[in-house]
Amino acid sequence: MTTVISQDIRAIPADQPVLIAGPTASGKSALALDIAAAQGGVVINADALQVYDNWRVLSARPSPQDEAIVQHMLYGHLGRDAPYSVGHWLREVDDLIATLSQQGQRPIIVGGTGLYFTALTQGLAEIPATPADIRARADALRMTQGLDPMIADLDPQTRDKIDLQNPMRVQRAWEVQASTGRSITWWQARTPAPKLPLDQCFPILFDLEKDVLDQRIAQRFSQMIDLGALDEAAENLPTWDPTALSSKTIGAPELIAHLRGEISLEQACDLATIATRQFAKRQRTWFRSKMRNWSVYRPNYK
């Protein structure tokens, strides 16, 4: 990767779609807002958890104030129990890009879900939907026995390719194999052409020093509490389902545990901060492996 992005957003071409990826708490959304406000464009979400409507604060969705400055799309548009996948996202984004193109507007796609960006710029295998009974078996297996049995069932090529520390990736691979009889790598080898090739857009990858990112993560979770994350958790408590995709929002299980009297608020905050740092580490590893052709952006945070 080569650092080519300056602090001056005027260096960013105003006639290309912009992609902004990076780890959690790195400042991606602020840059997207700045670019859209200065040059025009519609900000489109590329974060798997910000699509849900029940965790605005905890998932770090743009504030209502930010949404009033420029148009934001695919944020909080799904109910907490709605199924969603990279395929769902890609179809929605494809439709949005076509519509914006007709309107003479450019998309500014921002988020931390790297798989969304690779699907958009490299193509996505057309894997059949997972049947409900297979999904239920996978959920039960993960909840009762963890990832090891699912990992053991995967073929060697898949085990070598996916992030075995990521529960969602492991479960997805297991579900594909169980429901289709083919490995996820078999399907991926038959990937169609990408919707938005990388050479047709301006890709930006945030890359912060670990110490700087860790500090921002701690500060942001404290800010989330101040902004009402605990109240948000209380609203979710009556219908809390740990297997729902929206419940994967980092900090949600910890705050729910606190509200149930299982841990103190201080413990919940500490555990959530640790989980966020671990997640950011996985993101950075994934980005550096999969996004070597992206332009690196290192903001000057004081």
Protein backbone atom coordinates (compact mmCIF):
# COMPACT_ATOMS: atom_id res chain seq x y z
CA MET A 1 0.00 0.00 0.00
CA THR A 2 1.17 3.53 -0.75
CA THR A 3 0.25 6.65 1.17
CA VAL A 4 -1.03 9.10 -1.40
CA ILE A 5 -3.89 10.88 0.34
CA SER A 6 -3.21 14.28 1.85
CA GLN A 7 -5.22 16.02 4.56
CA ASP A 8 -6.67 18.30 1.87
CA ILE A 9 -9.84 16.73 0.50
CA ARG A 10 -9.57 18.98 -2.55
CA ALA A 11 -6.99 16.46 -3.78
CA ILE A 12 -9.81 13.92 -4.16
CA PRO A 13 -11.31 13.93 -7.69
CA ALA A 14 -14.86 15.27 -7.60
CA ASP A 15 -16.05 13.19 -10.55
CA GLN A 16 -15.46 9.66 -9.20
CA PRO A 17 -17.30 7.46 -6.71
CA VAL A 18 -15.44 7.41 -3.40
CA LEU A 19 -14.91 4.34 -1.23
CA ILE A 20 -13.80 4.86 2.39
CA ALA A 21 -12.86 1.83 4.49
CA GLY A 22 -11.07 1.44 7.78
CA PRO A 23 -11.25 0.07 11.31
CA THR A 24 -13.87 1.11 13.82
CA ALA A 25 -13.41 4.55 15.44
CA SER A 26 -10.89 5.65 12.81
CA GLY A 27 -12.92 8.66 11.62
CA LYS A 28 -14.31 7.29 8.34
CA SER A 29 -17.78 8.79 8.67
CA ALA A 30 -16.40 12.26 9.41
CA LEU A 31 -14.29 12.18 6.25
CA ALA A 32 -17.25 11.00 4.17
CA LEU A 33 -19.33 13.87 5.56
CA ASP A 34 -16.57 16.39 4.81
CA ILE A 35 -16.18 15.17 1.23
CA ALA A 36 -19.93 15.19 0.57
CA ALA A 37 -20.36 18.65 2.07
CA ALA A 38 -17.41 20.11 0.15
CA GLN A 39 -17.74 18.36 -3.20
CA GLY A 40 -21.23 16.90 -3.28
CA GLY A 41 -22.37 13.32 -3.12
CA VAL A 42 -24.55 10.89 -1.18
CA VAL A 43 -23.07 8.98 1.76
CA ILE A 44 -23.90 5.26 1.60
CA ASN A 45 -23.37 2.85 4.47
CA ALA A 46 -21.02 -0.14 4.15
CA ASP A 47 -21.21 -1.38 7.73
CA ALA A 48 -23.07 -4.62 8.46
CA LEU A 49 -24.46 -3.41 11.80
CA GLN A 50 -25.35 0.18 10.98
CA VAL A 51 -28.17 -1.09 8.75
CA TYR A 52 -30.27 -1.88 11.85
CA ASP A 53 -32.59 0.66 13.44
CA ASN A 54 -32.22 -0.38 17.10
CA TRP A 55 -28.61 0.65 17.76
CA ARG A 56 -27.96 4.16 16.49
CA VAL A 57 -25.60 5.21 19.28
CA LEU A 58 -23.85 1.92 19.93
CA SER A 59 -23.25 1.14 16.26
CA ALA A 60 -21.93 4.71 15.73
CA ARG A 61 -24.42 5.56 13.02
CA PRO A 62 -24.29 9.17 11.80
CA SER A 63 -26.19 11.56 14.05
CA PRO A 64 -29.44 13.23 12.96
CA GLN A 65 -27.43 16.45 12.72
CA ASP A 66 -24.98 14.87 10.26
CA GLU A 67 -27.83 13.37 8.26
CA ALA A 68 -29.34 16.85 7.95
CA ILE A 69 -26.15 18.19 6.32
CA VAL A 70 -25.93 15.67 3.46
CA GLN A 71 -28.03 12.72 2.36
CA HIS A 72 -27.21 9.39 3.99
CA MET A 73 -28.57 6.05 2.75
CA LEU A 74 -28.75 2.43 4.02
CA TYR A 75 -28.45 3.51 7.65
CA GLY A 76 -30.95 2.10 10.16
CA HIS A 77 -33.34 0.97 7.45
CA LEU A 78 -33.89 -2.55 8.82
CA GLY A 79 -35.69 -3.87 11.88
CA ARG A 80 -33.67 -5.64 14.56
CA ASP A 81 -34.70 -9.14 13.45
CA ALA A 82 -34.28 -8.66 9.71
CA PRO A 83 -31.97 -11.07 7.87
CA TYR A 84 -29.16 -9.36 6.00
CA SER A 85 -26.07 -10.43 4.14
CA VAL A 86 -23.44 -9.11 1.78
CA GLY A 87 -25.72 -10.19 -1.05
CA HIS A 88 -28.57 -8.06 0.29
CA TRP A 89 -26.23 -5.09 0.63
CA LEU A 90 -24.73 -5.49 -2.83
CA ARG A 91 -28.14 -5.56 -4.49
CA GLU A 92 -29.23 -2.44 -2.62
CA VAL A 93 -26.02 -0.58 -3.43
CA ASP A 94 -26.16 -1.60 -7.08
CA ASP A 95 -29.64 -0.09 -7.35
CA LEU A 96 -28.53 3.07 -5.53
CA ILE A 97 -25.48 3.58 -7.74
CA ALA A 98 -27.64 3.27 -10.86
CA THR A 99 -30.19 5.75 -9.49
CA LEU A 100 -27.55 8.26 -8.38
CA SER A 101 -25.84 8.01 -11.76
CA GLN A 102 -29.09 8.94 -13.48
CA GLN A 103 -29.41 11.91 -11.12
CA GLY A 104 -25.87 13.08 -11.73
CA GLN A 105 -24.81 12.37 -8.14
CA ARG A 106 -21.86 10.34 -6.98
CA PRO A 107 -21.85 7.74 -4.21
CA ILE A 108 -19.51 8.06 -1.23
CA ILE A 109 -19.53 4.56 0.25
CA VAL A 110 -18.14 4.31 3.78
CA GLY A 111 -17.87 1.58 6.40
CA GLY A 112 -15.85 -1.02 8.18
CA THR A 113 -17.19 -4.24 6.65
CA GLY A 114 -14.38 -5.18 4.30
CA LEU A 115 -16.32 -7.98 2.66
CA TYR A 116 -18.86 -5.45 1.37
CA PHE A 117 -16.11 -3.54 -0.43
CA THR A 118 -14.47 -6.61 -1.94
CA ALA A 119 -17.87 -7.84 -3.12
CA LEU A 120 -18.51 -4.45 -4.72
CA THR A 121 -15.12 -4.09 -6.40
CA GLN A 122 -14.22 -7.72 -7.09
CA GLY A 123 -17.60 -9.43 -7.47
CA LEU A 124 -19.69 -11.71 -5.27
CA ALA A 125 -20.35 -15.41 -5.67
CA GLU A 126 -24.03 -16.12 -6.27
CA ILE A 127 -24.53 -18.59 -3.41
CA PRO A 128 -28.09 -19.86 -2.77
CA ALA A 129 -29.78 -18.54 0.37
CA THR A 130 -29.34 -20.61 3.51
CA PRO A 131 -32.51 -22.53 4.50
CA ALA A 132 -33.99 -21.57 7.86
CA ASP A 133 -33.41 -25.02 9.37
CA ILE A 134 -29.69 -24.95 8.48
CA ARG A 135 -29.37 -21.46 9.97
CA ALA A 136 -31.09 -22.64 13.15
CA ARG A 137 -28.73 -25.63 13.41
CA ALA A 138 -25.72 -23.36 12.92
CA ASP A 139 -26.95 -20.87 15.55
CA ALA A 140 -27.51 -23.67 18.05
CA LEU A 141 -24.14 -25.25 17.33
CA ARG A 142 -22.28 -21.97 17.77
CA MET A 143 -24.13 -21.10 20.98
CA THR A 144 -23.68 -24.52 22.62
CA GLN A 145 -20.33 -25.79 21.31
CA GLY A 146 -18.58 -22.77 19.85
CA LEU A 147 -16.76 -22.60 16.53
CA ASP A 148 -14.55 -25.69 16.77
CA PRO A 149 -17.10 -28.25 15.47
CA MET A 150 -17.96 -26.02 12.52
CA ILE A 151 -14.29 -25.41 11.73
CA ALA A 152 -13.64 -29.16 11.84
CA ASP A 153 -16.37 -29.71 9.23
CA LEU A 154 -14.89 -27.25 6.74
CA ASP A 155 -12.64 -28.36 3.90
CA PRO A 156 -8.91 -27.52 4.20
CA GLN A 157 -9.02 -24.85 1.48
CA THR A 158 -11.78 -22.97 3.26
CA ARG A 159 -10.04 -23.25 6.63
CA ASP A 160 -6.92 -21.75 5.08
CA LYS A 161 -8.80 -18.87 3.46
CA ILE A 162 -11.30 -17.52 5.98
CA ASP A 163 -10.75 -15.75 9.30
CA LEU A 164 -11.25 -18.58 11.79
CA GLN A 165 -11.49 -16.08 14.65
CA ASN A 166 -14.56 -14.45 13.11
CA PRO A 167 -17.73 -16.28 14.22
CA MET A 168 -19.85 -14.86 11.41
CA ARG A 169 -17.37 -15.93 8.72
CA VAL A 170 -17.00 -19.44 10.15
CA GLN A 171 -20.74 -19.91 10.51
CA ARG A 172 -21.37 -18.60 7.00
CA ALA A 173 -18.86 -21.05 5.51
CA TRP A 174 -20.37 -23.92 7.48
CA GLU A 175 -23.92 -22.99 6.41
CA VAL A 176 -22.94 -22.84 2.73
CA GLN A 177 -21.30 -26.24 2.88
CA ALA A 178 -24.18 -27.79 4.83
CA SER A 179 -26.90 -26.38 2.59
CA THR A 180 -25.33 -26.69 -0.88
CA GLY A 181 -22.91 -29.59 -0.55
CA ARG A 182 -20.20 -27.33 -1.96
CA SER A 183 -17.58 -25.32 -0.07
CA ILE A 184 -17.77 -21.55 0.02
CA THR A 185 -14.44 -21.42 -1.83
CA TRP A 186 -15.99 -23.47 -4.67
CA TRP A 187 -18.72 -20.87 -5.04
CA GLN A 188 -16.27 -17.98 -4.77
CA ALA A 189 -14.21 -19.38 -7.63
CA ARG A 190 -17.27 -18.80 -9.85
CA THR A 191 -17.66 -15.13 -8.96
CA PRO A 192 -19.23 -12.85 -11.63
CA ALA A 193 -17.86 -9.47 -12.72
CA PRO A 194 -17.80 -6.70 -10.06
CA LYS A 195 -20.48 -4.02 -9.85
CA LEU A 196 -17.94 -1.21 -9.37
CA PRO A 197 -14.35 -2.10 -10.33
CA LEU A 198 -11.68 -0.48 -8.20
CA ASP A 199 -10.18 1.42 -11.15
CA GLN A 200 -13.48 3.24 -11.64
CA CYS A 201 -13.54 4.84 -8.18
CA PHE A 202 -11.33 6.55 -5.62
CA PRO A 203 -10.60 4.08 -2.79
CA ILE A 204 -9.39 5.36 0.60
CA LEU A 205 -8.21 3.10 3.40
CA PHE A 206 -7.73 4.53 6.90
CA ASP A 207 -4.58 3.29 8.59
CA LEU A 208 -3.94 4.52 12.15
CA GLU A 209 -1.21 3.58 14.57
CA LYS A 210 -2.46 1.04 17.10
CA ASP A 211 -1.95 3.34 20.11
CA VAL A 212 -3.87 6.15 18.45
CA LEU A 213 -6.73 3.86 17.46
CA ASP A 214 -6.90 2.26 20.91
CA GLN A 215 -7.18 5.70 22.51
CA ARG A 216 -9.95 6.74 20.12
CA ILE A 217 -11.83 3.49 20.83
CA ALA A 218 -11.75 4.11 24.58
CA GLN A 219 -12.81 7.74 24.17
CA ARG A 220 -15.62 6.85 21.78
CA PHE A 221 -17.19 4.23 24.04
CA SER A 222 -17.19 6.73 26.89
CA GLN A 223 -18.89 9.21 24.56
CA MET A 224 -21.44 6.58 23.59
CA ILE A 225 -22.43 6.18 27.22
CA ASP A 226 -22.78 9.95 27.52
CA LEU A 227 -24.91 10.01 24.36
CA GLY A 228 -27.37 7.44 25.71
CA ALA A 229 -26.03 3.99 24.82
CA LEU A 230 -27.26 2.60 28.13
CA ASP A 231 -30.76 3.95 27.49
CA GLU A 232 -30.58 2.38 24.04
CA ALA A 233 -29.66 -0.96 25.60
CA ALA A 234 -32.59 -0.65 28.02
CA GLU A 235 -34.93 -0.22 25.04
CA ASN A 236 -33.54 -3.42 23.52
CA LEU A 237 -33.62 -5.43 26.75
CA PRO A 238 -37.26 -6.69 26.54
CA THR A 239 -36.71 -8.22 23.10
CA TRP A 240 -33.02 -9.12 23.45
CA ASP A 241 -32.04 -12.09 21.29
CA PRO A 242 -28.30 -12.86 21.33
CA THR A 243 -28.60 -14.80 18.05
CA ALA A 244 -30.01 -11.85 16.08
CA LEU A 245 -27.56 -10.19 13.69
CA SER A 246 -28.25 -6.78 15.22
CA SER A 247 -27.13 -8.17 18.59
CA LYS A 248 -23.59 -8.53 17.22
CA THR A 249 -23.17 -4.79 17.74
CA ILE A 250 -20.07 -4.46 19.92
CA GLY A 251 -20.98 -3.38 23.43
CA ALA A 252 -24.56 -4.62 23.22
CA PRO A 253 -24.04 -7.94 25.06
CA GLU A 254 -21.99 -6.17 27.73
CA LEU A 255 -24.55 -3.44 28.39
CA ILE A 256 -27.38 -5.97 28.41
CA ALA A 257 -25.43 -8.03 30.97
CA HIS A 258 -25.07 -4.91 33.11
CA LEU A 259 -28.79 -4.16 32.92
CA ARG A 260 -29.49 -7.72 34.03
CA GLY A 261 -27.33 -7.17 37.10
CA GLU A 262 -24.63 -9.59 35.97
CA ILE A 263 -21.75 -7.08 35.80
CA SER A 264 -21.12 -3.47 36.81
CA LEU A 265 -21.27 -0.62 34.31
CA GLU A 266 -17.52 -0.16 34.66
CA GLN A 267 -16.96 -3.83 33.83
CA ALA A 268 -19.32 -3.58 30.88
CA CYS A 269 -17.44 -0.58 29.51
CA ASP A 270 -14.07 -2.27 30.00
CA LEU A 271 -15.21 -5.48 28.31
CA ALA A 272 -16.81 -3.58 25.42
CA THR A 273 -13.64 -1.54 24.90
CA ILE A 274 -11.53 -4.70 24.85
CA ALA A 275 -13.92 -6.33 22.38
CA THR A 276 -13.79 -3.25 20.15
CA ARG A 277 -9.99 -3.26 20.15
CA GLN A 278 -9.95 -6.95 19.25
CA PHE A 279 -12.41 -6.31 16.45
CA ALA A 280 -10.32 -3.39 15.16
CA LYS A 281 -7.24 -5.61 15.14
CA ARG A 282 -9.05 -8.17 12.97
CA GLN A 283 -10.25 -5.40 10.67
CA ARG A 284 -6.75 -3.97 10.23
CA THR A 285 -5.32 -7.41 9.48
CA TRP A 286 -8.04 -8.06 6.92
CA PHE A 287 -7.73 -4.66 5.25
CA ARG A 288 -3.96 -4.92 4.93
CA SER A 289 -4.31 -8.34 3.36
CA LYS A 290 -7.22 -7.67 1.00
CA MET A 291 -6.88 -3.95 0.17
CA ARG A 292 -3.27 -3.55 -0.88
CA ASN A 293 -4.26 -1.53 -3.95
CA TRP A 294 -6.18 1.07 -1.96
CA SER A 295 -4.83 4.55 -1.23
CA VAL A 296 -3.86 4.85 2.42
CA TYR A 297 -5.04 7.77 4.54
CA ARG A 298 -3.33 8.57 7.84
CA PRO A 299 -5.19 11.44 9.53
CA ASN A 300 -3.32 13.82 11.80
CA TYR A 301 -5.18 13.29 15.06
CA LYS A 302 -3.76 15.32 17.93
